Structure formats: C-alpha cells, structure tokens
Amino acid sequence: MNRTRRTLTFAEVFDLPLSVDLQTAARAFAVCPATAYRLVHLGRFPCRVVRIGHQYRIPTASLMRALGIENLPVYAADVEAGAEMSAALTHDAEEQEDRQ
C-alpha cells in the first residue's frame, strides 16, 4: 500500500494548534515519519521536541522558526474576509464609474 502524505502548505502551517505530533512535523519538513523518529532518537530533529509519556510533541512556534516562517498570526478567515472586502470595494468603485 502506497501511503504518500503531501507536505503541509503555508496556510496549513498557520492553522496548526500550539503543538503538533511528530507525524505532522515530519510532513512540514517533507520527510517520512520513520526518518523523523530516527532524527529525534539521534537528537538531530531540526526543532524542539517535547516528550510527554510515550508521545512526542513539537511546539508550533519552534517548528515555524525551523522552517524560516515568522510567527505572525495569520488566519485563513482573515485572508478570506480581506478578499471579500476587496471584491466589495472593487464592485463599489466600478458602480461609481458607471454612474459618471
């Protein structure tokens, strides 16, 4: 069975919770989970890893820094609202031009 997982998109990274599991972090770095686990065991995973019981968690802020992404709050809903506002303003401007 071929279980390919695609890499996280930029928008998906900004929608992550405060911490993620190792498989999600592996997707962000475009490596398979086995490679991620091996890097953790070697102490060479590219960002901070917290072990909680038998589970590894990666703080999203650390993940983003390792990916070279500034930790700025960007939310998909804000982008969508901005696009809607831009469309409405464009529509209003076009109507005003038509009236002149």
PDB file of N, CA and C in Angstrom:
ATOM      1  N   MET A   1       0.850  -1.181   0.000  1.00  0.00           N
ATOM      2  CA  MET A   1       0.000   0.000   0.000  1.00  0.00           C
ATOM      3  C   MET A   1       0.891   1.238   0.000  1.00  0.00           C
ATOM      4  N   ASN A   2       0.637   2.142  -0.912  1.00  0.00           N
ATOM      5  CA  ASN A   2       1.406   3.378  -1.013  1.00  0.00           C
ATOM      6  C   ASN A   2       0.677   4.483  -0.258  1.00  0.00           C
ATOM      7  N   ARG A   3       1.228   4.887   0.854  1.00  0.00           N
ATOM      8  CA  ARG A   3       0.587   5.917   1.686  1.00  0.00           C
ATOM      9  C   ARG A   3       1.417   7.184   1.645  1.00  0.00           C
ATOM     10  N   THR A   4       1.356   7.898   0.541  1.00  0.00           N
ATOM     11  CA  THR A   4       2.107   9.154   0.440  1.00  0.00           C
ATOM     12  C   THR A   4       1.309  10.265   1.094  1.00  0.00           C
ATOM     13  N   ARG A   5       2.001  11.048   1.879  1.00  0.00           N
ATOM     14  CA  ARG A   5       1.381  12.194   2.535  1.00  0.00           C
ATOM     15  C   ARG A   5       2.012  13.434   1.962  1.00  0.00           C
ATOM     16  N   ARG A   6       1.195  14.357   1.571  1.00  0.00           N
ATOM     17  CA  ARG A   6       1.736  15.566   0.984  1.00  0.00           C
ATOM     18  C   ARG A   6       2.276  16.489   2.075  1.00  0.00           C
ATOM     19  N   THR A   7       3.160  17.356   1.657  1.00  0.00           N
ATOM     20  CA  THR A   7       3.751  18.337   2.563  1.00  0.00           C
ATOM     21  C   THR A   7       2.694  19.360   2.963  1.00  0.00           C
ATOM     22  N   LEU A   8       2.809  19.898   4.171  1.00  0.00           N
ATOM     23  CA  LEU A   8       1.883  20.940   4.622  1.00  0.00           C
ATOM     24  C   LEU A   8       2.042  22.186   3.768  1.00  0.00           C
ATOM     25  N   THR A   9       0.944  22.840   3.493  1.00  0.00           N
ATOM     26  CA  THR A   9       1.002  24.105   2.773  1.00  0.00           C
ATOM     27  C   THR A   9       1.279  25.234   3.757  1.00  0.00           C
ATOM     28  N   PHE A  10       1.631  26.391   3.220  1.00  0.00           N
ATOM     29  CA  PHE A  10       1.902  27.563   4.053  1.00  0.00           C
ATOM     30  C   PHE A  10       0.671  27.904   4.899  1.00  0.00           C
ATOM     31  N   ALA A  11      -0.496  27.893   4.280  1.00  0.00           N
ATOM     32  CA  ALA A  11      -1.733  28.218   5.014  1.00  0.00           C
ATOM     33  C   ALA A  11      -2.002  27.189   6.102  1.00  0.00           C
ATOM     34  N   GLU A  12      -1.735  25.913   5.831  1.00  0.00           N
ATOM     35  CA  GLU A  12      -1.963  24.870   6.833  1.00  0.00           C
ATOM     36  C   GLU A  12      -1.050  25.050   8.040  1.00  0.00           C
ATOM     37  N   VAL A  13       0.174  25.491   7.808  1.00  0.00           N
ATOM     38  CA  VAL A  13       1.108  25.712   8.918  1.00  0.00           C
ATOM     39  C   VAL A  13       0.558  26.775   9.864  1.00  0.00           C
ATOM     40  N   PHE A  14      -0.032  27.843   9.304  1.00  0.00           N
ATOM     41  CA  PHE A  14      -0.560  28.909  10.145  1.00  0.00           C
ATOM     42  C   PHE A  14      -1.834  28.507  10.884  1.00  0.00           C
ATOM     43  N   ASP A  15      -2.474  27.416  10.469  1.00  0.00           N
ATOM     44  CA  ASP A  15      -3.675  26.944  11.153  1.00  0.00           C
ATOM     45  C   ASP A  15      -3.384  25.850  12.174  1.00  0.00           C
ATOM     46  N   LEU A  16      -2.110  25.551  12.424  1.00  0.00           N
ATOM     47  CA  LEU A  16      -1.759  24.488  13.373  1.00  0.00           C
ATOM     48  C   LEU A  16      -2.051  24.919  14.809  1.00  0.00           C
ATOM     49  N   PRO A  17      -2.326  23.943  15.684  1.00  0.00           N
ATOM     50  CA  PRO A  17      -2.507  24.260  17.106  1.00  0.00           C
ATOM     51  C   PRO A  17      -1.160  24.613  17.751  1.00  0.00           C
ATOM     52  N   LEU A  18      -1.139  24.859  19.039  1.00  0.00           N
ATOM     53  CA  LEU A  18       0.090  25.267  19.730  1.00  0.00           C
ATOM     54  C   LEU A  18       1.206  24.237  19.652  1.00  0.00           C
ATOM     55  N   SER A  19       0.844  22.964  19.589  1.00  0.00           N
ATOM     56  CA  SER A  19       1.847  21.924  19.398  1.00  0.00           C
ATOM     57  C   SER A  19       1.271  20.859  18.474  1.00  0.00           C
ATOM     58  N   VAL A  20       2.176  20.134  17.811  1.00  0.00           N
ATOM     59  CA  VAL A  20       1.748  19.107  16.865  1.00  0.00           C
ATOM     60  C   VAL A  20       2.458  17.796  17.173  1.00  0.00           C
ATOM     61  N   ASP A  21       1.920  16.711  16.642  1.00  0.00           N
ATOM     62  CA  ASP A  21       2.590  15.424  16.814  1.00  0.00           C
ATOM     63  C   ASP A  21       3.761  15.319  15.830  1.00  0.00           C
ATOM     64  N   LEU A  22       4.578  14.311  16.017  1.00  0.00           N
ATOM     65  CA  LEU A  22       5.782  14.178  15.210  1.00  0.00           C
ATOM     66  C   LEU A  22       5.453  13.901  13.747  1.00  0.00           C
ATOM     67  N   GLN A  23       4.372  13.195  13.485  1.00  0.00           N
ATOM     68  CA  GLN A  23       3.999  12.920  12.090  1.00  0.00           C
ATOM     69  C   GLN A  23       3.648  14.206  11.341  1.00  0.00           C
ATOM     70  N   THR A  24       2.953  15.122  12.006  1.00  0.00           N
ATOM     71  CA  THR A  24       2.618  16.400  11.375  1.00  0.00           C
ATOM     72  C   THR A  24       3.880  17.213  11.126  1.00  0.00           C
ATOM     73  N   ALA A  25       4.790  17.237  12.091  1.00  0.00           N
ATOM     74  CA  ALA A  25       6.055  17.956  11.916  1.00  0.00           C
ATOM     75  C   ALA A  25       6.855  17.338  10.771  1.00  0.00           C
ATOM     76  N   ALA A  26       6.820  16.019  10.653  1.00  0.00           N
ATOM     77  CA  ALA A  26       7.518  15.342   9.558  1.00  0.00           C
ATOM     78  C   ALA A  26       6.950  15.792   8.216  1.00  0.00           C
ATOM     79  N   ARG A  27       5.631  15.923   8.126  1.00  0.00           N
ATOM     80  CA  ARG A  27       5.000  16.417   6.897  1.00  0.00           C
ATOM     81  C   ARG A  27       5.488  17.820   6.566  1.00  0.00           C
ATOM     82  N   ALA A  28       5.613  18.667   7.588  1.00  0.00           N
ATOM     83  CA  ALA A  28       6.061  20.045   7.360  1.00  0.00           C
ATOM     84  C   ALA A  28       7.467  20.068   6.768  1.00  0.00           C
ATOM     85  N   PHE A  29       8.312  19.135   7.180  1.00  0.00           N
ATOM     86  CA  PHE A  29       9.685  19.066   6.670  1.00  0.00           C
ATOM     87  C   PHE A  29       9.812  18.166   5.443  1.00  0.00           C
ATOM     88  N   ALA A  30       8.701  17.586   5.013  1.00  0.00           N
ATOM     89  CA  ALA A  30       8.670  16.699   3.838  1.00  0.00           C
ATOM     90  C   ALA A  30       9.567  15.482   4.018  1.00  0.00           C
ATOM     91  N   VAL A  31       9.530  14.907   5.221  1.00  0.00           N
ATOM     92  CA  VAL A  31      10.242  13.649   5.478  1.00  0.00           C
ATOM     93  C   VAL A  31       9.237  12.622   5.978  1.00  0.00           C
ATOM     94  N   CYS A  32       9.568  11.360   5.817  1.00  0.00           N
ATOM     95  CA  CYS A  32       8.653  10.317   6.281  1.00  0.00           C
ATOM     96  C   CYS A  32       8.729  10.232   7.806  1.00  0.00           C
ATOM     97  N   PRO A  33       7.667   9.758   8.453  1.00  0.00           N
ATOM     98  CA  PRO A  33       7.661   9.656   9.913  1.00  0.00           C
ATOM     99  C   PRO A  33       8.821   8.828  10.464  1.00  0.00           C
ATOM    100  N   ALA A  34       9.221   7.768   9.756  1.00  0.00           N
ATOM    101  CA  ALA A  34      10.338   6.941  10.243  1.00  0.00           C
ATOM    102  C   ALA A  34      11.621   7.751  10.325  1.00  0.00           C
ATOM    103  N   THR A  35      11.848   8.602   9.343  1.00  0.00           N
ATOM    104  CA  THR A  35      13.029   9.472   9.359  1.00  0.00           C
ATOM    105  C   THR A  35      12.939  10.464  10.515  1.00  0.00           C
ATOM    106  N   ALA A  36      11.737  10.997  10.745  1.00  0.00           N
ATOM    107  CA  ALA A  36      11.552  11.943  11.854  1.00  0.00           C
ATOM    108  C   ALA A  36      11.866  11.277  13.190  1.00  0.00           C
ATOM    109  N   TYR A  37      11.347  10.066  13.404  1.00  0.00           N
ATOM    110  CA  TYR A  37      11.631   9.347  14.649  1.00  0.00           C
ATOM    111  C   TYR A  37      13.119   9.062  14.786  1.00  0.00           C
ATOM    112  N   ARG A  38      13.767   8.693  13.693  1.00  0.00           N
ATOM    113  CA  ARG A  38      15.201   8.416  13.743  1.00  0.00           C
ATOM    114  C   ARG A  38      15.969   9.687  14.123  1.00  0.00           C
ATOM    115  N   LEU A  39      15.603  10.827  13.540  1.00  0.00           N
ATOM    116  CA  LEU A  39      16.266  12.086  13.870  1.00  0.00           C
ATOM    117  C   LEU A  39      16.059  12.475  15.332  1.00  0.00           C
ATOM    118  N   VAL A  40      14.853  12.233  15.852  1.00  0.00           N
ATOM    119  CA  VAL A  40      14.592  12.517  17.265  1.00  0.00           C
ATOM    120  C   VAL A  40      15.498  11.666  18.139  1.00  0.00           C
ATOM    121  N   HIS A  41      15.590  10.372  17.843  1.00  0.00           N
ATOM    122  CA  HIS A  41      16.421   9.469  18.656  1.00  0.00           C
ATOM    123  C   HIS A  41      17.904   9.826  18.575  1.00  0.00           C
ATOM    124  N   LEU A  42      18.317  10.423  17.461  1.00  0.00           N
ATOM    125  CA  LEU A  42      19.715  10.855  17.311  1.00  0.00           C
ATOM    126  C   LEU A  42      19.957  12.252  17.887  1.00  0.00           C
ATOM    127  N   GLY A  43      18.864  12.915  18.335  1.00  0.00           N
ATOM    128  CA  GLY A  43      18.980  14.275  18.848  1.00  0.00           C
ATOM    129  C   GLY A  43      19.236  15.287  17.746  1.00  0.00           C
ATOM    130  N   ARG A  44      18.797  14.986  16.504  1.00  0.00           N
ATOM    131  CA  ARG A  44      19.089  15.836  15.368  1.00  0.00           C
ATOM    132  C   ARG A  44      17.835  16.355  14.660  1.00  0.00           C
ATOM    133  N   PHE A  45      16.672  16.239  15.311  1.00  0.00           N
ATOM    134  CA  PHE A  45      15.473  16.786  14.689  1.00  0.00           C
ATOM    135  C   PHE A  45      15.637  18.302  14.636  1.00  0.00           C
ATOM    136  N   PRO A  46      15.248  18.951  13.542  1.00  0.00           N
ATOM    137  CA  PRO A  46      15.578  20.373  13.346  1.00  0.00           C
ATOM    138  C   PRO A  46      14.856  21.386  14.231  1.00  0.00           C
ATOM    139  N   CYS A  47      14.011  20.933  15.132  1.00  0.00           N
ATOM    140  CA  CYS A  47      13.383  21.876  16.060  1.00  0.00           C
ATOM    141  C   CYS A  47      13.150  21.180  17.401  1.00  0.00           C
ATOM    142  N   ARG A  48      12.681  21.934  18.349  1.00  0.00           N
ATOM    143  CA  ARG A  48      12.476  21.438  19.707  1.00  0.00           C
ATOM    144  C   ARG A  48      11.440  20.321  19.724  1.00  0.00           C
ATOM    145  N   VAL A  49      11.734  19.258  20.480  1.00  0.00           N
ATOM    146  CA  VAL A  49      10.826  18.126  20.627  1.00  0.00           C
ATOM    147  C   VAL A  49      10.601  17.899  22.116  1.00  0.00           C
ATOM    148  N   VAL A  50       9.343  17.796  22.507  1.00  0.00           N
ATOM    149  CA  VAL A  50       8.990  17.563  23.906  1.00  0.00           C
ATOM    150  C   VAL A  50       8.401  16.168  24.001  1.00  0.00           C
ATOM    151  N   ARG A  51       8.914  15.371  24.924  1.00  0.00           N
ATOM    152  CA  ARG A  51       8.359  14.028  25.115  1.00  0.00           C
ATOM    153  C   ARG A  51       7.396  14.070  26.291  1.00  0.00           C
ATOM    154  N   ILE A  52       6.169  13.645  26.020  1.00  0.00           N
ATOM    155  CA  ILE A  52       5.136  13.580  27.057  1.00  0.00           C
ATOM    156  C   ILE A  52       4.684  12.129  27.107  1.00  0.00           C
ATOM    157  N   GLY A  53       5.146  11.419  28.128  1.00  0.00           N
ATOM    158  CA  GLY A  53       4.857   9.989  28.211  1.00  0.00           C
ATOM    159  C   GLY A  53       5.525   9.272  27.046  1.00  0.00           C
ATOM    160  N   HIS A  54       4.730   8.580  26.241  1.00  0.00           N
ATOM    161  CA  HIS A  54       5.250   7.868  25.073  1.00  0.00           C
ATOM    162  C   HIS A  54       5.062   8.662  23.789  1.00  0.00           C
ATOM    163  N   GLN A  55       4.653   9.906  23.914  1.00  0.00           N
ATOM    164  CA  GLN A  55       4.329  10.708  22.742  1.00  0.00           C
ATOM    165  C   GLN A  55       5.302  11.878  22.607  1.00  0.00           C
ATOM    166  N   TYR A  56       5.640  12.212  21.356  1.00  0.00           N
ATOM    167  CA  TYR A  56       6.457  13.390  21.076  1.00  0.00           C
ATOM    168  C   TYR A  56       5.547  14.516  20.598  1.00  0.00           C
ATOM    169  N   ARG A  57       5.779  15.708  21.136  1.00  0.00           N
ATOM    170  CA  ARG A  57       5.041  16.902  20.692  1.00  0.00           C
ATOM    171  C   ARG A  57       6.068  17.943  20.267  1.00  0.00           C
ATOM    172  N   ILE A  58       5.717  18.687  19.246  1.00  0.00           N
ATOM    173  CA  ILE A  58       6.595  19.725  18.726  1.00  0.00           C
ATOM    174  C   ILE A  58       5.866  21.054  18.850  1.00  0.00           C
ATOM    175  N   PRO A  59       6.421  22.014  19.617  1.00  0.00           N
ATOM    176  CA  PRO A  59       5.792  23.332  19.707  1.00  0.00           C
ATOM    177  C   PRO A  59       5.751  23.977  18.308  1.00  0.00           C
ATOM    178  N   THR A  60       4.585  24.447  17.919  1.00  0.00           N
ATOM    179  CA  THR A  60       4.407  25.011  16.587  1.00  0.00           C
ATOM    180  C   THR A  60       5.330  26.204  16.348  1.00  0.00           C
ATOM    181  N   ALA A  61       5.551  27.031  17.352  1.00  0.00           N
ATOM    182  CA  ALA A  61       6.443  28.187  17.185  1.00  0.00           C
ATOM    183  C   ALA A  61       7.857  27.726  16.825  1.00  0.00           C
ATOM    184  N   SER A  62       8.329  26.653  17.466  1.00  0.00           N
ATOM    185  CA  SER A  62       9.652  26.110  17.167  1.00  0.00           C
ATOM    186  C   SER A  62       9.691  25.532  15.754  1.00  0.00           C
ATOM    187  N   LEU A  63       8.631  24.856  15.363  1.00  0.00           N
ATOM    188  CA  LEU A  63       8.516  24.294  14.018  1.00  0.00           C
ATOM    189  C   LEU A  63       8.580  25.402  12.969  1.00  0.00           C
ATOM    190  N   MET A  64       7.835  26.465  13.202  1.00  0.00           N
ATOM    191  CA  MET A  64       7.796  27.575  12.249  1.00  0.00           C
ATOM    192  C   MET A  64       9.162  28.255  12.133  1.00  0.00           C
ATOM    193  N   ARG A  65       9.837  28.450  13.266  1.00  0.00           N
ATOM    194  CA  ARG A  65      11.184  29.056  13.222  1.00  0.00           C
ATOM    195  C   ARG A  65      12.135  28.183  12.403  1.00  0.00           C
ATOM    196  N   ALA A  66      12.070  26.869  12.624  1.00  0.00           N
ATOM    197  CA  ALA A  66      12.951  25.951  11.891  1.00  0.00           C
ATOM    198  C   ALA A  66      12.659  25.975  10.389  1.00  0.00           C
ATOM    199  N   LEU A  67      11.410  26.253  10.032  1.00  0.00           N
ATOM    200  CA  LEU A  67      11.028  26.347   8.623  1.00  0.00           C
ATOM    201  C   LEU A  67      11.309  27.733   8.041  1.00  0.00           C
ATOM    202  N   GLY A  68      11.748  28.659   8.891  1.00  0.00           N
ATOM    203  CA  GLY A  68      12.042  30.014   8.432  1.00  0.00           C
ATOM    204  C   GLY A  68      10.805  30.868   8.248  1.00  0.00           C
ATOM    205  N   ILE A  69       9.744  30.538   8.987  1.00  0.00           N
ATOM    206  CA  ILE A  69       8.489  31.286   8.895  1.00  0.00           C
ATOM    207  C   ILE A  69       8.360  32.153  10.127  1.00  0.00           C
ATOM    208  N   GLU A  70       8.131  33.429   9.917  1.00  0.00           N
ATOM    209  CA  GLU A  70       7.916  34.336  11.044  1.00  0.00           C
ATOM    210  C   GLU A  70       6.632  33.943  11.751  1.00  0.00           C
ATOM    211  N   ASN A  71       6.644  34.007  13.051  1.00  0.00           N
ATOM    212  CA  ASN A  71       5.491  33.598  13.846  1.00  0.00           C
ATOM    213  C   ASN A  71       4.490  34.744  13.959  1.00  0.00           C
ATOM    214  N   LEU A  72       3.905  35.091  12.824  1.00  0.00           N
ATOM    215  CA  LEU A  72       2.908  36.150  12.788  1.00  0.00           C
ATOM    216  C   LEU A  72       1.528  35.518  12.709  1.00  0.00           C
ATOM    217  N   PRO A  73       0.579  36.033  13.465  1.00  0.00           N
ATOM    218  CA  PRO A  73      -0.752  35.429  13.411  1.00  0.00           C
ATOM    219  C   PRO A  73      -1.475  35.775  12.110  1.00  0.00           C
ATOM    220  N   VAL A  74      -1.594  34.799  11.242  1.00  0.00           N
ATOM    221  CA  VAL A  74      -2.342  34.941  10.001  1.00  0.00           C
ATOM    222  C   VAL A  74      -3.397  33.852  10.013  1.00  0.00           C
ATOM    223  N   TYR A  75      -4.615  34.243   9.874  1.00  0.00           N
ATOM    224  CA  TYR A  75      -5.701  33.281   9.930  1.00  0.00           C
ATOM    225  C   TYR A  75      -6.425  33.242   8.593  1.00  0.00           C
ATOM    226  N   ALA A  76      -6.778  32.043   8.174  1.00  0.00           N
ATOM    227  CA  ALA A  76      -7.458  31.875   6.891  1.00  0.00           C
ATOM    228  C   ALA A  76      -8.724  32.731   6.834  1.00  0.00           C
ATOM    229  N   ALA A  77      -9.437  32.835   7.944  1.00  0.00           N
ATOM    230  CA  ALA A  77     -10.663  33.629   7.979  1.00  0.00           C
ATOM    231  C   ALA A  77     -10.362  35.109   7.708  1.00  0.00           C
ATOM    232  N   ASP A  78      -9.228  35.599   8.213  1.00  0.00           N
ATOM    233  CA  ASP A  78      -8.845  36.993   7.965  1.00  0.00           C
ATOM    234  C   ASP A  78      -8.523  37.218   6.490  1.00  0.00           C
ATOM    235  N   VAL A  79      -7.834  36.263   5.884  1.00  0.00           N
ATOM    236  CA  VAL A  79      -7.498  36.377   4.465  1.00  0.00           C
ATOM    237  C   VAL A  79      -8.778  36.387   3.634  1.00  0.00           C
ATOM    238  N   GLU A  80      -9.694  35.487   3.974  1.00  0.00           N
ATOM    239  CA  GLU A  80     -10.969  35.407   3.250  1.00  0.00           C
ATOM    240  C   GLU A  80     -11.760  36.703   3.411  1.00  0.00           C
ATOM    241  N   ALA A  81     -11.807  37.234   4.618  1.00  0.00           N
ATOM    242  CA  ALA A  81     -12.533  38.490   4.861  1.00  0.00           C
ATOM    243  C   ALA A  81     -11.903  39.631   4.073  1.00  0.00           C
ATOM    244  N   GLY A  82     -10.577  39.656   4.002  1.00  0.00           N
ATOM    245  CA  GLY A  82      -9.896  40.688   3.233  1.00  0.00           C
ATOM    246  C   GLY A  82     -10.209  40.586   1.747  1.00  0.00           C
ATOM    247  N   ALA A  83     -10.274  39.361   1.242  1.00  0.00           N
ATOM    248  CA  ALA A  83     -10.611  39.166  -0.175  1.00  0.00           C
ATOM    249  C   ALA A  83     -12.034  39.614  -0.455  1.00  0.00           C
ATOM    250  N   GLU A  84     -12.953  39.310   0.463  1.00  0.00           N
ATOM    251  CA  GLU A  84     -14.345  39.732   0.294  1.00  0.00           C
ATOM    252  C   GLU A  84     -14.459  41.250   0.322  1.00  0.00           C
ATOM    253  N   MET A  85     -13.723  41.881   1.231  1.00  0.00           N
ATOM    254  CA  MET A  85     -13.759  43.339   1.329  1.00  0.00           C
ATOM    255  C   MET A  85     -13.190  43.968   0.054  1.00  0.00           C
ATOM    256  N   SER A  86     -12.103  43.416  -0.449  1.00  0.00           N
ATOM    257  CA  SER A  86     -11.505  43.925  -1.677  1.00  0.00           C
ATOM    258  C   SER A  86     -12.471  43.804  -2.851  1.00  0.00           C
ATOM    259  N   ALA A  87     -13.157  42.675  -2.943  1.00  0.00           N
ATOM    260  CA  ALA A  87     -14.131  42.478  -4.022  1.00  0.00           C
ATOM    261  C   ALA A  87     -15.270  43.486  -3.905  1.00  0.00           C
ATOM    262  N   ALA A  88     -15.737  43.725  -2.673  1.00  0.00           N
ATOM    263  CA  ALA A  88     -16.830  44.682  -2.462  1.00  0.00           C
ATOM    264  C   ALA A  88     -16.382  46.100  -2.831  1.00  0.00           C
ATOM    265  N   LEU A  89     -15.183  46.480  -2.452  1.00  0.00           N
ATOM    266  CA  LEU A  89     -14.673  47.815  -2.779  1.00  0.00           C
ATOM    267  C   LEU A  89     -14.499  47.976  -4.290  1.00  0.00           C
ATOM    268  N   THR A  90     -14.021  46.931  -4.951  1.00  0.00           N
ATOM    269  CA  THR A  90     -13.870  46.977  -6.406  1.00  0.00           C
ATOM    270  C   THR A  90     -15.224  47.130  -7.074  1.00  0.00           C
ATOM    271  N   HIS A  91     -16.207  46.382  -6.577  1.00  0.00           N
ATOM    272  CA  HIS A  91     -17.561  46.456  -7.125  1.00  0.00           C
ATOM    273  C   HIS A  91     -18.136  47.862  -6.941  1.00  0.00           C
ATOM    274  N   ASP A  92     -17.958  48.429  -5.740  1.00  0.00           N
ATOM    275  CA  ASP A  92     -18.448  49.784  -5.467  1.00  0.00           C
ATOM    276  C   ASP A  92     -17.782  50.810  -6.385  1.00  0.00           C
ATOM    277  N   ALA A  93     -16.480  50.674  -6.604  1.00  0.00           N
ATOM    278  CA  ALA A  93     -15.733  51.610  -7.464  1.00  0.00           C
ATOM    279  C   ALA A  93     -16.222  51.505  -8.907  1.00  0.00           C
ATOM    280  N   GLU A  94     -16.496  50.280  -9.358  1.00  0.00           N
ATOM    281  CA  GLU A  94     -16.987  50.090 -10.728  1.00  0.00           C
ATOM    282  C   GLU A  94     -18.390  50.705 -10.896  1.00  0.00           C
ATOM    283  N   GLU A  95     -19.229  50.546  -9.886  1.00  0.00           N
ATOM    284  CA  GLU A  95     -20.577  51.149  -9.946  1.00  0.00           C
ATOM    285  C   GLU A  95     -20.480  52.671  -9.987  1.00  0.00           C
ATOM    286  N   GLN A  96     -19.564  53.228  -9.210  1.00  0.00           N
ATOM    287  CA  GLN A  96     -19.404  54.680  -9.197  1.00  0.00           C
ATOM    288  C   GLN A  96     -18.903  55.185 -10.556  1.00  0.00           C
ATOM    289  N   GLU A  97     -18.000  54.450 -11.180  1.00  0.00           N
ATOM    290  CA  GLU A  97     -17.517  54.829 -12.515  1.00  0.00           C
ATOM    291  C   GLU A  97     -18.655  54.788 -13.521  1.00  0.00           C
ATOM    292  N   ASP A  98     -19.509  53.773 -13.440  1.00  0.00           N
ATOM    293  CA  ASP A  98     -20.631  53.642 -14.360  1.00  0.00           C
ATOM    294  C   ASP A  98     -21.605  54.812 -14.243  1.00  0.00           C
ATOM    295  N   ARG A  99     -21.756  55.348 -13.034  1.00  0.00           N
ATOM    296  CA  ARG A  99     -22.667  56.477 -12.789  1.00  0.00           C
ATOM    297  C   ARG A  99     -22.127  57.767 -13.377  1.00  0.00           C
ATOM    298  N   GLN A 100     -20.835  57.869 -13.549  1.00  0.00           N
ATOM    299  CA  GLN A 100     -20.220  59.126 -14.022  1.00  0.00           C
ATOM    300  C   GLN A 100     -20.231  59.241 -15.477  1.00  0.00           C
TER     301      GLN A 100
END
